[in-house]
């Protein structure tokens, strides 16, 4: 119930009109997120397991299905913003109806399978909470009024610059992935735990800053085809990309959840695609880490899963020998394609569509962002996106080879 309330709290202070806009196909209206996360609980727990449960509306099964083809056809993703009905009030009524059903179900049945499905539904909704922040940011960014989602707290300033250095790791055989033994929640794509061989490598102690990335832009990085992967260069030309998403043409302003603000030179650059991250790394004489390197380097680092959501990435802590900004700042692109681990088995039934079928043509991101729901920061977490996507809080951590 705390998770359910948190989703609705994200919409507090917004107009119903704000929650119905879809600014591009990758974005979903906030109203749709609220309904879809209820659909998940209804379809996977209530309909099959609660006797005499009555669905809230017979067409919601179609309208709020995301990509579960085993559950039937769904309303086209790119047309979610055309749904003026149901209203926001009706969606909230749908959520209350589903919540009452879940309470009744859990009061009557505490079997392990049911608890596991409920936990998956909670984790699923928390993933959508992050999407709600990134989606409303994009919606507001294309509005000429440039509204702020929330006013910035007074007196918030970034820390002084932290020198970038590389921390070396010896390589060798390492175990990767989650145990998947039920001791702690994990998604199926984090399993099974397996061994891999790594060459010696080094990771930058912090993320690339706005000032460093601006040097890349000013040096003509977006005009030098030698820096770009072929697909990235094609994307760059077709979409006329010249700078990170949300940066102004003069490279002085950026749009944030607090509205337009001057670019903070010390804060990490955000909202860059995999193609941009890869090109910057090449220009800087480095490369992106593999997901295995990132996970090995992050082992033993205490995450900040109890931190509050901050709405904007912050600069690194004072310099130390530890890696900074692994969690709670920005998702970090890796050079690893999103593919199954050796021996991977998706969940059975319709839930097998949750992760497994997306293991093609996407890249892995590691860490977590400033709007990631607390509890989703762990070393084994595998986020994944298409290489051209930028609307999530993506950042850049550099890596280098080390002579073995």
Protein backbone atom coordinates (compact mmCIF):
# COMPACT_ATOMS: atom_id res chain seq x y z
CA UNK A 1 0.00 0.00 0.00
CA UNK A 2 2.96 2.30 0.58
CA UNK A 3 4.08 1.66 -2.99
CA UNK A 4 0.61 2.28 -4.35
CA UNK A 5 0.36 5.55 -2.43
CA UNK A 6 3.80 6.64 -3.65
CA UNK A 7 2.69 6.34 -7.29
CA UNK A 8 -0.29 8.58 -6.70
CA UNK A 9 1.84 11.03 -4.73
CA UNK A 10 3.97 11.60 -7.83
CA UNK A 11 0.88 13.10 -9.48
CA UNK A 12 0.02 15.32 -6.51
CA UNK A 13 -0.06 18.96 -7.56
CA UNK A 14 -0.36 18.13 -11.25
CA UNK A 15 -3.38 18.96 -13.38
CA UNK A 16 -5.42 16.11 -14.88
CA UNK A 17 -4.33 17.48 -18.27
CA UNK A 18 -0.66 17.03 -17.29
CA UNK A 19 -1.32 13.34 -16.64
CA UNK A 20 -2.88 12.66 -20.03
CA UNK A 21 -0.11 13.89 -22.38
CA UNK A 22 2.16 11.64 -24.44
CA UNK A 23 5.00 13.71 -25.88
CA UNK A 24 6.67 10.90 -27.86
CA UNK A 25 6.11 7.14 -28.34
CA UNK A 26 8.58 6.17 -25.58
CA UNK A 27 6.69 8.33 -23.08
CA UNK A 28 3.44 7.16 -21.49
CA UNK A 29 0.89 9.45 -19.84
CA UNK A 30 1.05 9.36 -16.04
CA UNK A 31 -2.60 8.31 -16.05
CA UNK A 32 -1.64 5.27 -18.12
CA UNK A 33 1.14 4.32 -15.67
CA UNK A 34 -1.34 4.45 -12.77
CA UNK A 35 -3.77 2.23 -14.65
CA UNK A 36 -1.22 -0.23 -16.06
CA UNK A 37 0.34 -0.98 -12.68
CA UNK A 38 -3.18 -1.75 -11.42
CA UNK A 39 -3.78 -3.91 -14.49
CA UNK A 40 -0.69 -5.93 -13.54
CA UNK A 41 -2.08 -6.79 -10.10
CA UNK A 42 -5.54 -7.44 -11.51
CA UNK A 43 -4.43 -9.76 -14.31
CA UNK A 44 -1.73 -11.73 -12.51
CA UNK A 45 -3.20 -11.97 -9.01
CA UNK A 46 -6.87 -11.07 -8.76
CA UNK A 47 -8.47 -12.57 -11.87
CA UNK A 48 -6.85 -16.01 -11.54
CA UNK A 49 -6.78 -16.26 -7.74
CA UNK A 50 -9.62 -14.35 -6.06
CA UNK A 51 -12.99 -16.15 -6.30
CA UNK A 52 -15.86 -13.96 -7.45
CA UNK A 53 -13.58 -11.03 -8.32
CA UNK A 54 -15.27 -8.63 -10.74
CA UNK A 55 -13.03 -6.71 -13.13
CA UNK A 56 -13.44 -2.96 -12.87
CA UNK A 57 -14.05 -2.46 -16.60
CA UNK A 58 -14.07 -5.15 -19.32
CA UNK A 59 -12.06 -3.03 -21.80
CA UNK A 60 -9.28 -2.13 -19.36
CA UNK A 61 -7.66 -5.51 -20.05
CA UNK A 62 -7.03 -4.24 -23.58
CA UNK A 63 -6.35 -0.55 -22.88
CA UNK A 64 -3.73 -1.02 -20.17
CA UNK A 65 -1.86 -4.11 -21.32
CA UNK A 66 1.68 -3.05 -22.17
CA UNK A 67 3.39 -5.87 -24.07
CA UNK A 68 2.02 -9.17 -22.73
CA UNK A 69 0.83 -10.81 -25.94
CA UNK A 70 -0.14 -13.96 -24.06
CA UNK A 71 -2.76 -11.76 -22.36
CA UNK A 72 -4.18 -10.63 -25.70
CA UNK A 73 -3.81 -7.62 -27.95
CA UNK A 74 -3.18 -4.17 -26.52
CA UNK A 75 -3.86 -0.55 -27.39
CA UNK A 76 -0.93 0.74 -29.53
CA UNK A 77 1.84 2.19 -27.40
CA UNK A 78 2.23 5.33 -29.51
CA UNK A 79 -1.50 6.11 -29.11
CA UNK A 80 -1.77 6.03 -25.31
CA UNK A 81 -1.98 9.82 -25.29
CA UNK A 82 -5.17 9.68 -27.37
CA UNK A 83 -7.12 8.18 -24.47
CA UNK A 84 -9.02 11.13 -23.01
CA UNK A 85 -11.20 8.52 -21.33
CA UNK A 86 -11.10 6.98 -18.78
CA UNK A 87 -10.69 10.15 -16.75
CA UNK A 88 -8.10 10.56 -14.03
CA UNK A 89 -10.84 10.14 -11.42
CA UNK A 90 -11.93 6.86 -13.00
CA UNK A 91 -8.34 5.61 -13.05
CA UNK A 92 -8.02 6.41 -9.36
CA UNK A 93 -11.28 4.53 -8.80
CA UNK A 94 -9.78 1.58 -10.67
CA UNK A 95 -6.75 1.67 -8.38
CA UNK A 96 -8.95 1.68 -5.27
CA UNK A 97 -10.95 -1.26 -6.64
CA UNK A 98 -7.78 -3.27 -7.28
CA UNK A 99 -6.31 -2.34 -3.88
CA UNK A 100 -9.42 -3.63 -2.13
CA UNK A 101 -9.12 -6.90 -4.03
CA UNK A 102 -5.44 -7.31 -3.16
CA UNK A 103 -6.18 -6.68 0.52
CA UNK A 104 -8.88 -9.36 0.45
CA UNK A 105 -6.62 -11.80 -1.38
CA UNK A 106 -3.65 -11.37 0.96
CA UNK A 107 -5.87 -11.55 4.03
CA UNK A 108 -7.13 -14.93 2.91
CA UNK A 109 -3.99 -16.47 1.44
CA UNK A 110 -0.34 -16.21 2.43
CA UNK A 111 1.17 -18.92 0.24
CA UNK A 112 4.71 -18.39 -0.96
CA UNK A 113 3.74 -18.17 -4.63
CA UNK A 114 1.20 -15.46 -3.93
CA UNK A 115 3.65 -13.44 -1.84
CA UNK A 116 6.24 -13.76 -4.60
CA UNK A 117 3.81 -12.49 -7.23
CA UNK A 118 2.79 -9.61 -5.00
CA UNK A 119 6.44 -8.67 -4.50
CA UNK A 120 6.99 -8.74 -8.27
CA UNK A 121 3.98 -6.45 -8.69
CA UNK A 122 5.41 -4.04 -6.13
CA UNK A 123 8.82 -4.01 -7.84
CA UNK A 124 7.11 -3.54 -11.21
CA UNK A 125 5.18 -0.53 -9.94
CA UNK A 126 8.35 0.96 -8.46
CA UNK A 127 10.01 0.69 -11.86
CA UNK A 128 7.08 2.64 -13.30
CA UNK A 129 7.51 5.32 -10.65
CA UNK A 130 10.88 6.15 -12.16
CA UNK A 131 9.31 6.23 -15.61
CA UNK A 132 6.66 8.62 -14.31
CA UNK A 133 9.35 11.14 -13.32
CA UNK A 134 11.20 10.88 -16.63
CA UNK A 135 8.01 10.97 -18.67
CA UNK A 136 6.58 14.09 -17.02
CA UNK A 137 9.97 15.76 -17.47
CA UNK A 138 9.79 15.16 -21.22
CA UNK A 139 6.15 16.25 -21.35
CA UNK A 140 6.95 19.54 -19.63
CA UNK A 141 10.09 20.08 -21.73
CA UNK A 142 8.12 20.31 -24.99
CA UNK A 143 5.62 22.76 -23.48
CA UNK A 144 6.53 26.37 -24.47
CA UNK A 145 5.59 27.46 -20.94
CA UNK A 146 8.47 25.30 -19.62
CA UNK A 147 6.67 24.49 -16.34
CA UNK A 148 8.45 23.10 -13.30
CA UNK A 149 7.32 19.81 -11.85
CA UNK A 150 8.56 20.93 -8.46
CA UNK A 151 10.40 24.03 -7.27
CA UNK A 152 14.03 23.53 -6.30
CA UNK A 153 14.89 23.69 -2.62
CA UNK A 154 16.54 26.94 -1.59
CA UNK A 155 20.29 27.01 -1.15
CA UNK A 156 21.05 23.77 -3.03
CA UNK A 157 24.54 24.06 -4.52
CA UNK A 158 26.90 21.55 -6.05
CA UNK A 159 30.17 20.58 -4.44
CA UNK A 160 33.54 21.65 -5.73
CA UNK A 161 35.16 19.80 -8.64
CA UNK A 162 36.56 16.34 -8.00
CA UNK A 163 39.61 15.35 -10.00
CA UNK A 164 39.02 12.37 -12.26
CA UNK A 165 41.35 9.43 -11.87
CA UNK A 166 41.16 5.76 -12.78
CA UNK A 167 41.06 2.98 -10.24
CA UNK A 168 42.63 -0.24 -11.46
CA UNK A 169 41.21 -3.74 -10.99
CA UNK A 170 43.24 -6.91 -11.53
CA UNK A 171 40.77 -8.91 -13.55
CA UNK A 172 40.61 -12.68 -13.25
CA UNK A 173 37.66 -15.01 -12.69
CA UNK A 174 34.69 -13.39 -10.96
CA UNK A 175 31.17 -14.43 -10.08
CA UNK A 176 28.41 -12.25 -11.51
CA UNK A 177 24.67 -12.04 -11.11
CA UNK A 178 22.22 -12.60 -8.31
CA UNK A 179 21.85 -15.89 -6.47
CA UNK A 180 18.12 -15.99 -7.08
CA UNK A 181 17.61 -18.09 -3.97
CA UNK A 182 14.82 -15.96 -2.53
CA UNK A 183 16.98 -14.36 0.17
CA UNK A 184 16.63 -11.01 -1.59
CA UNK A 185 14.39 -9.96 -4.44
CA UNK A 186 15.88 -9.91 -7.91
CA UNK A 187 14.48 -9.95 -11.43
CA UNK A 188 14.92 -13.06 -13.53
CA UNK A 189 17.36 -11.29 -15.89
CA UNK A 190 19.84 -10.93 -12.98
CA UNK A 191 20.19 -14.72 -12.80
CA UNK A 192 21.76 -17.22 -12.80
CA UNK A 193 24.94 -16.47 -10.90
CA UNK A 194 27.86 -17.46 -13.12
CA UNK A 195 31.58 -17.06 -13.56
CA UNK A 196 33.33 -14.89 -16.10
CA UNK A 197 36.94 -14.08 -16.96
CA UNK A 198 37.98 -10.43 -17.02
CA UNK A 199 41.21 -8.84 -18.21
CA UNK A 200 42.73 -6.15 -15.97
CA UNK A 201 40.80 -2.89 -16.33
CA UNK A 202 40.34 0.54 -14.79
CA UNK A 203 37.22 2.59 -14.09
CA UNK A 204 36.95 6.34 -13.61
CA UNK A 205 36.26 7.34 -10.03
CA UNK A 206 33.30 9.53 -11.02
CA UNK A 207 30.94 10.34 -13.86
CA UNK A 208 31.73 12.74 -16.71
CA UNK A 209 30.65 16.30 -15.84
CA UNK A 210 28.71 18.87 -17.85
CA UNK A 211 31.82 21.00 -18.32
CA UNK A 212 33.82 18.05 -19.64
CA UNK A 213 31.06 17.07 -22.02
CA UNK A 214 30.65 20.67 -23.18
CA UNK A 215 34.32 20.61 -24.21
CA UNK A 216 33.49 17.63 -26.41
CA UNK A 217 30.61 19.53 -28.03
CA UNK A 218 32.69 22.69 -28.55
CA UNK A 219 35.54 20.64 -30.02
CA UNK A 220 33.22 19.44 -32.80
CA UNK A 221 32.55 16.02 -31.37
CA UNK A 222 29.12 15.89 -32.98
CA UNK A 223 30.63 16.64 -36.39
CA UNK A 224 33.48 14.10 -36.38
CA UNK A 225 32.26 10.85 -37.91
CA UNK A 226 35.46 9.06 -36.82
CA UNK A 227 34.20 9.15 -33.20
CA UNK A 228 30.86 7.52 -33.87
CA UNK A 229 29.60 4.01 -34.43
CA UNK A 230 27.99 3.66 -37.85
CA UNK A 231 24.46 3.35 -36.44
CA UNK A 232 25.14 6.26 -34.11
CA UNK A 233 26.33 8.50 -36.94
CA UNK A 234 23.24 7.64 -38.99
CA UNK A 235 21.01 8.44 -36.00
CA UNK A 236 22.88 11.70 -35.44
CA UNK A 237 22.35 12.83 -39.03
CA UNK A 238 18.73 11.72 -39.32
CA UNK A 239 17.66 13.32 -36.02
CA UNK A 240 19.93 16.41 -36.31
CA UNK A 241 21.40 15.77 -32.86
CA UNK A 242 23.97 18.37 -31.76
CA UNK A 243 23.97 18.23 -27.93
CA UNK A 244 22.47 16.33 -25.00
CA UNK A 245 18.73 16.20 -24.63
CA UNK A 246 17.39 19.20 -22.64
CA UNK A 247 20.44 21.42 -23.34
CA UNK A 248 19.77 24.80 -24.96
CA UNK A 249 21.31 25.66 -28.30
CA UNK A 250 23.85 27.98 -26.69
CA UNK A 251 24.88 25.21 -24.24
CA UNK A 252 24.10 27.40 -21.24
CA UNK A 253 20.69 26.21 -20.07
CA UNK A 254 19.09 22.84 -19.50
CA UNK A 255 15.53 21.81 -18.75
CA UNK A 256 15.08 20.01 -15.42
CA UNK A 257 12.22 18.82 -13.26
CA UNK A 258 12.68 22.18 -11.53
CA UNK A 259 12.18 23.99 -14.85
CA UNK A 260 14.88 25.68 -16.98
CA UNK A 261 18.15 26.23 -15.11
CA UNK A 262 21.73 27.21 -15.89
CA UNK A 263 23.86 24.18 -16.62
CA UNK A 264 25.89 23.30 -13.53
CA UNK A 265 29.39 22.68 -14.84
CA UNK A 266 30.26 20.44 -11.86
CA UNK A 267 27.27 18.12 -12.07
CA UNK A 268 27.37 14.98 -14.23
CA UNK A 269 26.12 15.24 -17.77
CA UNK A 270 22.79 13.46 -18.17
CA UNK A 271 20.25 12.42 -20.80
CA UNK A 272 22.81 11.22 -23.33
CA UNK A 273 22.32 8.17 -25.50
CA UNK A 274 24.60 5.15 -25.67
CA UNK A 275 25.84 6.49 -29.01
CA UNK A 276 26.79 9.82 -27.41
CA UNK A 277 28.39 8.14 -24.40
CA UNK A 278 30.44 5.89 -26.67
CA UNK A 279 31.56 8.78 -28.90
CA UNK A 280 32.60 10.87 -25.89
CA UNK A 281 34.60 7.97 -24.45
CA UNK A 282 36.41 7.55 -27.77
CA UNK A 283 37.18 11.29 -27.90
CA UNK A 284 38.49 11.15 -24.32
CA UNK A 285 40.86 8.29 -25.15
CA UNK A 286 38.85 5.81 -23.12
CA UNK A 287 35.92 3.45 -23.56
CA UNK A 288 32.72 2.46 -21.78
CA UNK A 289 32.93 -0.34 -19.20
CA UNK A 290 31.41 -3.73 -19.75
CA UNK A 291 28.61 -4.63 -17.38
CA UNK A 292 30.83 -7.33 -15.85
CA UNK A 293 33.56 -4.77 -15.14
CA UNK A 294 31.03 -2.40 -13.59
CA UNK A 295 29.60 -5.11 -11.33
CA UNK A 296 33.01 -6.32 -10.18
CA UNK A 297 34.11 -2.76 -9.45
CA UNK A 298 30.89 -2.03 -7.53
CA UNK A 299 31.14 -5.07 -5.26
CA UNK A 300 31.55 -4.08 -1.66
CA UNK A 301 30.36 -0.52 -2.29
CA UNK A 302 27.48 0.30 0.01
CA UNK A 303 24.51 1.47 -2.02
CA UNK A 304 22.29 4.32 -0.90
CA UNK A 305 18.97 2.58 -1.28
CA UNK A 306 17.57 4.48 1.69
CA UNK A 307 18.24 7.86 0.07
CA UNK A 308 15.33 10.13 -0.86
CA UNK A 309 14.51 10.81 -4.49
CA UNK A 310 16.29 14.07 -5.37
CA UNK A 311 14.94 14.90 -8.90
CA UNK A 312 18.37 16.04 -10.13
CA UNK A 313 21.81 14.36 -10.27
CA UNK A 314 24.38 15.77 -7.89
CA UNK A 315 28.13 16.20 -8.18
CA UNK A 316 30.59 13.73 -6.70
CA UNK A 317 31.67 13.61 -3.08
CA UNK A 318 35.11 14.89 -2.08
CA UNK A 319 37.87 12.90 -3.74
CA UNK A 320 38.80 9.57 -2.21
CA UNK A 321 40.09 6.25 -3.38
CA UNK A 322 36.57 4.91 -3.79
CA UNK A 323 34.35 4.98 -6.84
CA UNK A 324 31.75 7.74 -6.58
CA UNK A 325 28.22 8.07 -8.00
CA UNK A 326 27.68 4.35 -8.55
CA UNK A 327 24.14 4.58 -7.20
CA UNK A 328 21.47 7.25 -6.96
CA UNK A 329 22.92 9.68 -9.50
CA UNK A 330 22.62 8.45 -13.09
CA UNK A 331 22.24 5.15 -14.89
CA UNK A 332 25.58 4.37 -16.52
CA UNK A 333 25.80 3.03 -20.05
CA UNK A 334 27.95 -0.05 -20.57
CA UNK A 335 29.26 -1.44 -23.83
CA UNK A 336 27.45 -4.72 -23.14
CA UNK A 337 24.53 -5.87 -25.23
CA UNK A 338 21.49 -6.94 -23.23
CA UNK A 339 21.55 -10.71 -23.59
CA UNK A 340 20.78 -13.69 -21.34
CA UNK A 341 23.28 -14.96 -18.83
CA UNK A 342 24.50 -18.55 -19.38
CA UNK A 343 21.72 -20.89 -18.24
CA UNK A 344 19.08 -18.13 -18.05
CA UNK A 345 15.49 -19.31 -17.76
CA UNK A 346 12.65 -16.77 -17.88
CA UNK A 347 9.69 -16.98 -15.55
CA UNK A 348 6.97 -19.41 -16.56
CA UNK A 349 3.73 -18.32 -18.23
CA UNK A 350 2.90 -14.76 -19.19
CA UNK A 351 5.43 -13.35 -16.72
CA UNK A 352 8.15 -14.85 -18.89
CA UNK A 353 7.51 -11.85 -21.17
CA UNK A 354 8.65 -9.43 -18.44
CA UNK A 355 12.35 -9.41 -19.41
CA UNK A 356 13.43 -12.29 -21.60
CA UNK A 357 11.87 -11.27 -24.89
CA UNK A 358 13.69 -7.92 -24.85
CA UNK A 359 17.16 -9.48 -24.95
CA UNK A 360 17.94 -8.19 -28.43
CA UNK A 361 19.23 -4.87 -29.83
CA UNK A 362 19.40 -3.11 -26.45
CA UNK A 363 22.30 -2.06 -24.23
CA UNK A 364 22.78 -2.62 -20.50
CA UNK A 365 22.83 0.27 -18.02
CA UNK A 366 24.07 -0.19 -14.45
CA UNK A 367 23.67 1.65 -11.15
CA UNK A 368 20.57 3.76 -10.52
CA UNK A 369 19.48 7.36 -10.96
CA UNK A 370 18.36 10.28 -8.82
CA UNK A 371 14.71 9.31 -9.48
CA UNK A 372 15.11 5.56 -9.01
CA UNK A 373 12.82 4.28 -6.26
CA UNK A 374 14.85 3.43 -3.14
CA UNK A 375 15.55 -0.30 -2.95
CA UNK A 376 16.35 -0.64 -6.66
CA UNK A 377 20.04 0.15 -6.22
CA UNK A 378 22.08 -3.04 -6.26
CA UNK A 379 25.19 -4.27 -8.02
CA UNK A 380 23.39 -7.00 -9.99
CA UNK A 381 20.52 -4.84 -11.33
CA UNK A 382 20.39 -4.90 -15.14
CA UNK A 383 18.56 -2.00 -16.76
CA UNK A 384 18.34 -1.95 -20.54
CA UNK A 385 17.43 0.52 -23.27
CA UNK A 386 17.81 1.01 -27.00
CA UNK A 387 21.08 2.80 -27.85
CA UNK A 388 19.40 5.93 -29.23
CA UNK A 389 17.20 6.61 -26.19
CA UNK A 390 17.97 9.65 -24.04
CA UNK A 391 14.93 10.59 -21.95
CA UNK A 392 16.00 8.51 -18.96
CA UNK A 393 18.65 9.79 -16.55
CA UNK A 394 21.64 8.32 -18.41
CA UNK A 395 25.25 9.29 -17.65
CA UNK A 396 28.80 8.36 -18.64
CA UNK A 397 31.50 6.53 -16.67
CA UNK A 398 34.77 5.94 -18.49
CA UNK A 399 36.89 2.80 -18.50
CA UNK A 400 40.32 1.83 -19.80
CA UNK A 401 42.30 -1.32 -20.44
CA UNK A 402 45.22 -2.10 -18.15
CA UNK A 403 48.26 -4.06 -19.24
CA UNK A 404 48.15 -7.51 -17.68
